[in-house]
Amino acid sequence: MNIGILQFELLIPWSQSLKDKRRVVRSVKDRLHREHMVSVAEVHRHDALNVAVMGIACVAADGKRIAQVLDAITEKLRSWRDAELGETSRQILNGSDPVDWVDSVQAGTDDELAGEMLHRFLNRETP
């Protein structure tokens, strides 16, 4: 199993209220989820009017497939009309054993989103 994580900033210079920002964020979330079957969430700077920090998670058996999906999403975000793509970071976690992911995250990865997702995965309740 492989997990791809893409964290990115959306700059919304014309936004004058949180309502304007939420409209753009909701549009991005809905479209990316519908077209690429990924999980999307706003992960940081919730109160900022002109910037949204968002995260995407994608799971697949093949890391190459994840890279293709994240590349397609990045290109789509670059051409988005309502917002401008700011900084991006991407990570693909490989392996079938979640313990391997703990080692890779603790080995110096500064990506807070990857650490939070890993923590939630390891501490989830199973039915």
N, C-alpha and C. Protein backbone atom coordinates (compact mmCIF):
# COMPACT_ATOMS: atom_id res chain seq x y z
N MET A 1 0.85 -1.18 0.00
CA MET A 1 0.00 0.00 0.00
C MET A 1 0.89 1.24 0.00
N ASN A 2 0.49 2.24 -0.75
CA ASN A 2 1.20 3.51 -0.83
C ASN A 2 0.23 4.64 -0.54
N ILE A 3 0.71 5.66 0.13
CA ILE A 3 -0.11 6.83 0.44
C ILE A 3 0.61 8.05 -0.10
N GLY A 4 -0.10 8.84 -0.89
CA GLY A 4 0.44 10.09 -1.40
C GLY A 4 -0.18 11.26 -0.66
N ILE A 5 0.64 12.21 -0.30
CA ILE A 5 0.18 13.40 0.43
C ILE A 5 0.65 14.63 -0.34
N LEU A 6 -0.28 15.51 -0.61
CA LEU A 6 0.04 16.78 -1.26
C LEU A 6 -0.50 17.89 -0.38
N GLN A 7 0.36 18.78 0.04
CA GLN A 7 -0.05 19.94 0.82
C GLN A 7 0.23 21.17 -0.03
N PHE A 8 -0.73 22.09 -0.11
CA PHE A 8 -0.55 23.25 -0.97
C PHE A 8 -1.28 24.46 -0.40
N GLU A 9 -0.80 25.63 -0.85
CA GLU A 9 -1.44 26.90 -0.50
C GLU A 9 -2.26 27.37 -1.70
N LEU A 10 -3.44 27.85 -1.42
CA LEU A 10 -4.22 28.55 -2.43
C LEU A 10 -4.28 30.01 -2.03
N LEU A 11 -3.81 30.87 -2.90
CA LEU A 11 -3.83 32.31 -2.64
C LEU A 11 -5.09 32.86 -3.31
N ILE A 12 -5.89 33.58 -2.52
CA ILE A 12 -7.17 34.11 -3.00
C ILE A 12 -7.15 35.62 -2.75
N PRO A 13 -6.45 36.38 -3.59
CA PRO A 13 -6.23 37.80 -3.32
C PRO A 13 -7.52 38.64 -3.34
N TRP A 14 -8.51 38.23 -4.07
CA TRP A 14 -9.74 39.01 -4.19
C TRP A 14 -10.70 38.77 -3.02
N SER A 15 -10.45 37.77 -2.19
CA SER A 15 -11.36 37.42 -1.09
C SER A 15 -11.42 38.55 -0.06
N GLN A 16 -12.65 38.93 0.28
CA GLN A 16 -12.83 39.99 1.28
C GLN A 16 -13.52 39.49 2.54
N SER A 17 -13.86 38.19 2.56
CA SER A 17 -14.52 37.63 3.74
C SER A 17 -14.23 36.13 3.79
N LEU A 18 -14.47 35.55 4.96
CA LEU A 18 -14.31 34.11 5.08
C LEU A 18 -15.31 33.37 4.19
N LYS A 19 -16.45 34.00 3.95
CA LYS A 19 -17.44 33.39 3.06
C LYS A 19 -16.89 33.26 1.64
N ASP A 20 -16.19 34.29 1.15
CA ASP A 20 -15.56 34.22 -0.17
C ASP A 20 -14.54 33.08 -0.21
N LYS A 21 -13.72 33.00 0.84
CA LYS A 21 -12.69 31.97 0.91
C LYS A 21 -13.33 30.58 0.96
N ARG A 22 -14.36 30.41 1.79
CA ARG A 22 -15.02 29.10 1.91
C ARG A 22 -15.61 28.64 0.59
N ARG A 23 -16.10 29.58 -0.21
CA ARG A 23 -16.67 29.22 -1.50
C ARG A 23 -15.60 28.60 -2.40
N VAL A 24 -14.41 29.21 -2.41
CA VAL A 24 -13.31 28.69 -3.22
C VAL A 24 -12.84 27.34 -2.67
N VAL A 25 -12.66 27.25 -1.36
CA VAL A 25 -12.19 26.02 -0.73
C VAL A 25 -13.17 24.87 -1.00
N ARG A 26 -14.45 25.13 -0.83
CA ARG A 26 -15.45 24.09 -1.07
C ARG A 26 -15.44 23.65 -2.54
N SER A 27 -15.30 24.59 -3.44
CA SER A 27 -15.26 24.27 -4.87
C SER A 27 -14.06 23.38 -5.18
N VAL A 28 -12.90 23.72 -4.65
CA VAL A 28 -11.69 22.93 -4.87
C VAL A 28 -11.86 21.53 -4.29
N LYS A 29 -12.33 21.46 -3.05
CA LYS A 29 -12.51 20.17 -2.40
C LYS A 29 -13.45 19.27 -3.18
N ASP A 30 -14.60 19.80 -3.54
CA ASP A 30 -15.61 19.00 -4.25
C ASP A 30 -15.11 18.52 -5.60
N ARG A 31 -14.49 19.42 -6.34
CA ARG A 31 -14.04 19.05 -7.69
C ARG A 31 -12.92 18.02 -7.66
N LEU A 32 -11.91 18.23 -6.78
CA LEU A 32 -10.80 17.29 -6.73
C LEU A 32 -11.25 15.92 -6.23
N HIS A 33 -12.14 15.91 -5.25
CA HIS A 33 -12.64 14.63 -4.76
C HIS A 33 -13.42 13.90 -5.86
N ARG A 34 -14.28 14.61 -6.53
CA ARG A 34 -15.12 14.01 -7.56
C ARG A 34 -14.30 13.51 -8.75
N GLU A 35 -13.33 14.29 -9.20
CA GLU A 35 -12.59 13.95 -10.41
C GLU A 35 -11.41 13.01 -10.18
N HIS A 36 -10.87 12.99 -8.95
CA HIS A 36 -9.67 12.19 -8.71
C HIS A 36 -9.82 11.17 -7.57
N MET A 37 -10.97 11.14 -6.93
CA MET A 37 -11.21 10.20 -5.82
C MET A 37 -10.12 10.27 -4.75
N VAL A 38 -9.86 11.48 -4.28
CA VAL A 38 -8.89 11.72 -3.22
C VAL A 38 -9.60 12.37 -2.04
N SER A 39 -8.99 12.31 -0.88
CA SER A 39 -9.51 13.02 0.28
C SER A 39 -8.87 14.40 0.31
N VAL A 40 -9.69 15.43 0.55
CA VAL A 40 -9.21 16.81 0.52
C VAL A 40 -9.74 17.53 1.75
N ALA A 41 -8.88 18.32 2.39
CA ALA A 41 -9.31 19.09 3.55
C ALA A 41 -8.48 20.36 3.67
N GLU A 42 -9.08 21.39 4.25
CA GLU A 42 -8.33 22.57 4.63
C GLU A 42 -7.64 22.22 5.94
N VAL A 43 -6.32 22.38 6.01
CA VAL A 43 -5.56 21.88 7.16
C VAL A 43 -4.89 22.96 8.00
N HIS A 44 -4.88 24.20 7.53
CA HIS A 44 -4.17 25.24 8.27
C HIS A 44 -4.65 26.61 7.82
N ARG A 45 -4.41 27.64 8.66
CA ARG A 45 -4.75 29.04 8.37
C ARG A 45 -6.24 29.21 8.07
N HIS A 46 -7.06 28.62 8.90
CA HIS A 46 -8.51 28.65 8.72
C HIS A 46 -9.10 30.05 8.79
N ASP A 47 -8.49 30.92 9.57
CA ASP A 47 -9.04 32.27 9.75
C ASP A 47 -8.47 33.30 8.79
N ALA A 48 -7.49 32.93 7.99
CA ALA A 48 -6.91 33.87 7.02
C ALA A 48 -7.90 34.08 5.87
N LEU A 49 -8.06 35.32 5.44
CA LEU A 49 -9.02 35.62 4.37
C LEU A 49 -8.50 35.30 2.98
N ASN A 50 -7.20 35.45 2.78
CA ASN A 50 -6.65 35.38 1.42
C ASN A 50 -5.79 34.17 1.13
N VAL A 51 -5.72 33.23 2.06
CA VAL A 51 -4.91 32.03 1.81
C VAL A 51 -5.57 30.83 2.50
N ALA A 52 -5.53 29.71 1.80
CA ALA A 52 -6.02 28.46 2.36
C ALA A 52 -4.90 27.43 2.20
N VAL A 53 -4.57 26.74 3.27
CA VAL A 53 -3.61 25.65 3.21
C VAL A 53 -4.42 24.36 3.23
N MET A 54 -4.24 23.58 2.18
CA MET A 54 -5.05 22.38 2.02
C MET A 54 -4.17 21.15 1.89
N GLY A 55 -4.75 20.01 2.22
CA GLY A 55 -4.04 18.75 2.12
C GLY A 55 -4.87 17.74 1.35
N ILE A 56 -4.18 16.89 0.61
CA ILE A 56 -4.80 15.83 -0.17
C ILE A 56 -4.13 14.52 0.19
N ALA A 57 -4.93 13.48 0.36
CA ALA A 57 -4.40 12.13 0.58
C ALA A 57 -4.95 11.21 -0.50
N CYS A 58 -4.06 10.37 -1.01
CA CYS A 58 -4.41 9.44 -2.08
C CYS A 58 -3.79 8.09 -1.74
N VAL A 59 -4.57 7.03 -1.81
CA VAL A 59 -4.08 5.69 -1.50
C VAL A 59 -4.18 4.83 -2.75
N ALA A 60 -3.13 4.07 -3.02
CA ALA A 60 -3.12 3.15 -4.16
C ALA A 60 -2.09 2.07 -3.93
N ALA A 61 -2.18 1.02 -4.70
CA ALA A 61 -1.22 -0.07 -4.61
C ALA A 61 0.11 0.29 -5.26
N ASP A 62 0.08 1.25 -6.19
CA ASP A 62 1.25 1.59 -6.98
C ASP A 62 1.65 3.05 -6.76
N GLY A 63 2.89 3.27 -6.36
CA GLY A 63 3.38 4.63 -6.15
C GLY A 63 3.39 5.45 -7.42
N LYS A 64 3.59 4.79 -8.57
CA LYS A 64 3.58 5.50 -9.86
C LYS A 64 2.20 6.09 -10.12
N ARG A 65 1.17 5.35 -9.80
CA ARG A 65 -0.20 5.85 -9.99
C ARG A 65 -0.46 7.06 -9.10
N ILE A 66 0.01 7.00 -7.88
CA ILE A 66 -0.16 8.14 -6.97
C ILE A 66 0.55 9.37 -7.53
N ALA A 67 1.76 9.19 -8.02
CA ALA A 67 2.51 10.32 -8.60
C ALA A 67 1.75 10.92 -9.77
N GLN A 68 1.14 10.09 -10.61
CA GLN A 68 0.37 10.60 -11.75
C GLN A 68 -0.84 11.41 -11.28
N VAL A 69 -1.53 10.90 -10.27
CA VAL A 69 -2.71 11.60 -9.74
C VAL A 69 -2.30 12.94 -9.14
N LEU A 70 -1.24 12.95 -8.34
CA LEU A 70 -0.80 14.20 -7.70
C LEU A 70 -0.29 15.20 -8.73
N ASP A 71 0.37 14.72 -9.78
CA ASP A 71 0.82 15.60 -10.85
C ASP A 71 -0.38 16.23 -11.57
N ALA A 72 -1.39 15.42 -11.86
CA ALA A 72 -2.59 15.94 -12.53
C ALA A 72 -3.30 16.97 -11.67
N ILE A 73 -3.36 16.73 -10.38
CA ILE A 73 -4.00 17.68 -9.46
C ILE A 73 -3.21 18.98 -9.42
N THR A 74 -1.89 18.89 -9.34
CA THR A 74 -1.06 20.09 -9.31
C THR A 74 -1.25 20.93 -10.56
N GLU A 75 -1.29 20.28 -11.72
CA GLU A 75 -1.52 21.01 -12.97
C GLU A 75 -2.90 21.67 -12.97
N LYS A 76 -3.89 20.97 -12.47
CA LYS A 76 -5.24 21.53 -12.40
C LYS A 76 -5.28 22.76 -11.49
N LEU A 77 -4.58 22.68 -10.35
CA LEU A 77 -4.55 23.80 -9.41
C LEU A 77 -3.83 25.00 -10.01
N ARG A 78 -2.80 24.76 -10.83
CA ARG A 78 -2.07 25.87 -11.45
C ARG A 78 -2.96 26.66 -12.41
N SER A 79 -3.96 26.00 -12.98
CA SER A 79 -4.84 26.69 -13.94
C SER A 79 -6.17 27.12 -13.32
N TRP A 80 -6.30 27.02 -12.01
CA TRP A 80 -7.54 27.38 -11.33
C TRP A 80 -7.80 28.88 -11.48
N ARG A 81 -9.00 29.24 -11.82
CA ARG A 81 -9.33 30.65 -12.08
C ARG A 81 -9.55 31.47 -10.81
N ASP A 82 -10.15 30.88 -9.80
CA ASP A 82 -10.53 31.63 -8.60
C ASP A 82 -9.41 31.80 -7.59
N ALA A 83 -8.29 31.10 -7.79
CA ALA A 83 -7.19 31.16 -6.84
C ALA A 83 -5.88 30.86 -7.54
N GLU A 84 -4.81 31.27 -6.88
CA GLU A 84 -3.47 31.04 -7.42
C GLU A 84 -2.76 30.01 -6.54
N LEU A 85 -2.06 29.09 -7.14
CA LEU A 85 -1.34 28.07 -6.39
C LEU A 85 -0.08 28.68 -5.80
N GLY A 86 0.08 28.51 -4.49
CA GLY A 86 1.28 28.98 -3.81
C GLY A 86 2.25 27.82 -3.61
N GLU A 87 2.82 27.72 -2.42
CA GLU A 87 3.78 26.66 -2.11
C GLU A 87 3.10 25.29 -2.10
N THR A 88 3.84 24.30 -2.55
CA THR A 88 3.34 22.93 -2.50
C THR A 88 4.42 22.02 -1.93
N SER A 89 4.00 20.96 -1.30
CA SER A 89 4.92 19.90 -0.87
C SER A 89 4.21 18.58 -1.07
N ARG A 90 4.99 17.57 -1.41
CA ARG A 90 4.40 16.28 -1.74
C ARG A 90 5.27 15.18 -1.16
N GLN A 91 4.60 14.13 -0.74
CA GLN A 91 5.32 13.00 -0.16
C GLN A 91 4.56 11.72 -0.51
N ILE A 92 5.29 10.68 -0.83
CA ILE A 92 4.69 9.37 -1.07
C ILE A 92 5.29 8.40 -0.08
N LEU A 93 4.44 7.82 0.74
CA LEU A 93 4.87 6.85 1.74
C LEU A 93 4.69 5.46 1.15
N ASN A 94 5.74 4.68 1.16
CA ASN A 94 5.71 3.34 0.58
C ASN A 94 5.78 2.29 1.68
N GLY A 95 5.20 1.16 1.42
CA GLY A 95 5.33 0.04 2.33
C GLY A 95 3.99 -0.55 2.71
N SER A 96 4.05 -1.74 3.24
CA SER A 96 2.83 -2.41 3.66
C SER A 96 2.70 -2.43 5.17
N ASP A 97 3.73 -2.02 5.87
CA ASP A 97 3.71 -2.06 7.33
C ASP A 97 3.71 -0.65 7.88
N PRO A 98 2.63 -0.25 8.60
CA PRO A 98 2.58 1.11 9.16
C PRO A 98 3.76 1.45 10.06
N VAL A 99 4.41 0.46 10.65
CA VAL A 99 5.57 0.73 11.50
C VAL A 99 6.68 1.35 10.67
N ASP A 100 6.82 0.94 9.39
CA ASP A 100 7.82 1.55 8.51
C ASP A 100 7.55 3.04 8.35
N TRP A 101 6.28 3.43 8.29
CA TRP A 101 5.91 4.83 8.12
C TRP A 101 6.32 5.63 9.35
N VAL A 102 6.14 5.03 10.53
CA VAL A 102 6.54 5.71 11.76
C VAL A 102 8.02 6.03 11.70
N ASP A 103 8.83 5.05 11.29
CA ASP A 103 10.27 5.25 11.21
C ASP A 103 10.61 6.36 10.22
N SER A 104 9.94 6.39 9.05
CA SER A 104 10.26 7.40 8.05
C SER A 104 9.83 8.79 8.50
N VAL A 105 8.71 8.90 9.20
CA VAL A 105 8.27 10.21 9.68
C VAL A 105 9.17 10.70 10.80
N GLN A 106 9.59 9.79 11.68
CA GLN A 106 10.44 10.18 12.79
C GLN A 106 11.89 10.41 12.37
N ALA A 107 12.25 10.00 11.16
CA ALA A 107 13.63 10.12 10.70
C ALA A 107 13.93 11.49 10.11
N GLY A 108 13.13 12.49 10.43
CA GLY A 108 13.47 13.84 10.02
C GLY A 108 12.48 14.48 9.08
N THR A 109 11.36 13.87 8.81
CA THR A 109 10.36 14.50 7.96
C THR A 109 9.68 15.61 8.75
N ASP A 110 9.68 16.82 8.20
CA ASP A 110 9.07 17.95 8.89
C ASP A 110 7.62 18.17 8.47
N ASP A 111 7.09 17.30 7.68
CA ASP A 111 5.74 17.47 7.16
C ASP A 111 4.72 17.17 8.25
N GLU A 112 4.11 18.22 8.80
CA GLU A 112 3.14 18.06 9.88
C GLU A 112 1.93 17.26 9.44
N LEU A 113 1.50 17.46 8.21
CA LEU A 113 0.34 16.75 7.71
C LEU A 113 0.59 15.25 7.68
N ALA A 114 1.75 14.83 7.21
CA ALA A 114 2.07 13.40 7.16
C ALA A 114 2.09 12.82 8.57
N GLY A 115 2.66 13.53 9.50
CA GLY A 115 2.70 13.06 10.88
C GLY A 115 1.32 12.94 11.50
N GLU A 116 0.47 13.93 11.23
CA GLU A 116 -0.88 13.89 11.77
C GLU A 116 -1.69 12.75 11.17
N MET A 117 -1.57 12.56 9.85
CA MET A 117 -2.29 11.46 9.20
C MET A 117 -1.82 10.11 9.72
N LEU A 118 -0.52 9.97 9.92
CA LEU A 118 0.03 8.73 10.44
C LEU A 118 -0.47 8.48 11.85
N HIS A 119 -0.47 9.51 12.68
CA HIS A 119 -0.94 9.38 14.05
C HIS A 119 -2.40 8.93 14.07
N ARG A 120 -3.23 9.53 13.24
CA ARG A 120 -4.64 9.15 13.19
C ARG A 120 -4.81 7.71 12.69
N PHE A 121 -4.00 7.32 11.70
CA PHE A 121 -4.07 5.96 11.18
C PHE A 121 -3.73 4.94 12.25
N LEU A 122 -2.66 5.19 12.97
CA LEU A 122 -2.19 4.24 13.96
C LEU A 122 -3.10 4.18 15.18
N ASN A 123 -3.83 5.25 15.46
CA ASN A 123 -4.68 5.32 16.64
C ASN A 123 -6.17 5.18 16.33
N ARG A 124 -6.48 4.72 15.12
CA ARG A 124 -7.88 4.58 14.75
C ARG A 124 -8.50 3.39 15.48
N GLU A 125 -9.81 3.47 15.63
CA GLU A 125 -10.54 2.36 16.23
C GLU A 125 -10.96 1.43 15.11
N THR A 126 -10.78 0.15 15.34
CA THR A 126 -11.21 -0.83 14.35
C THR A 126 -12.54 -1.43 14.79
N PRO A 127 -13.44 -1.67 13.83
CA PRO A 127 -14.77 -2.19 14.20
C PRO A 127 -14.71 -3.61 14.70
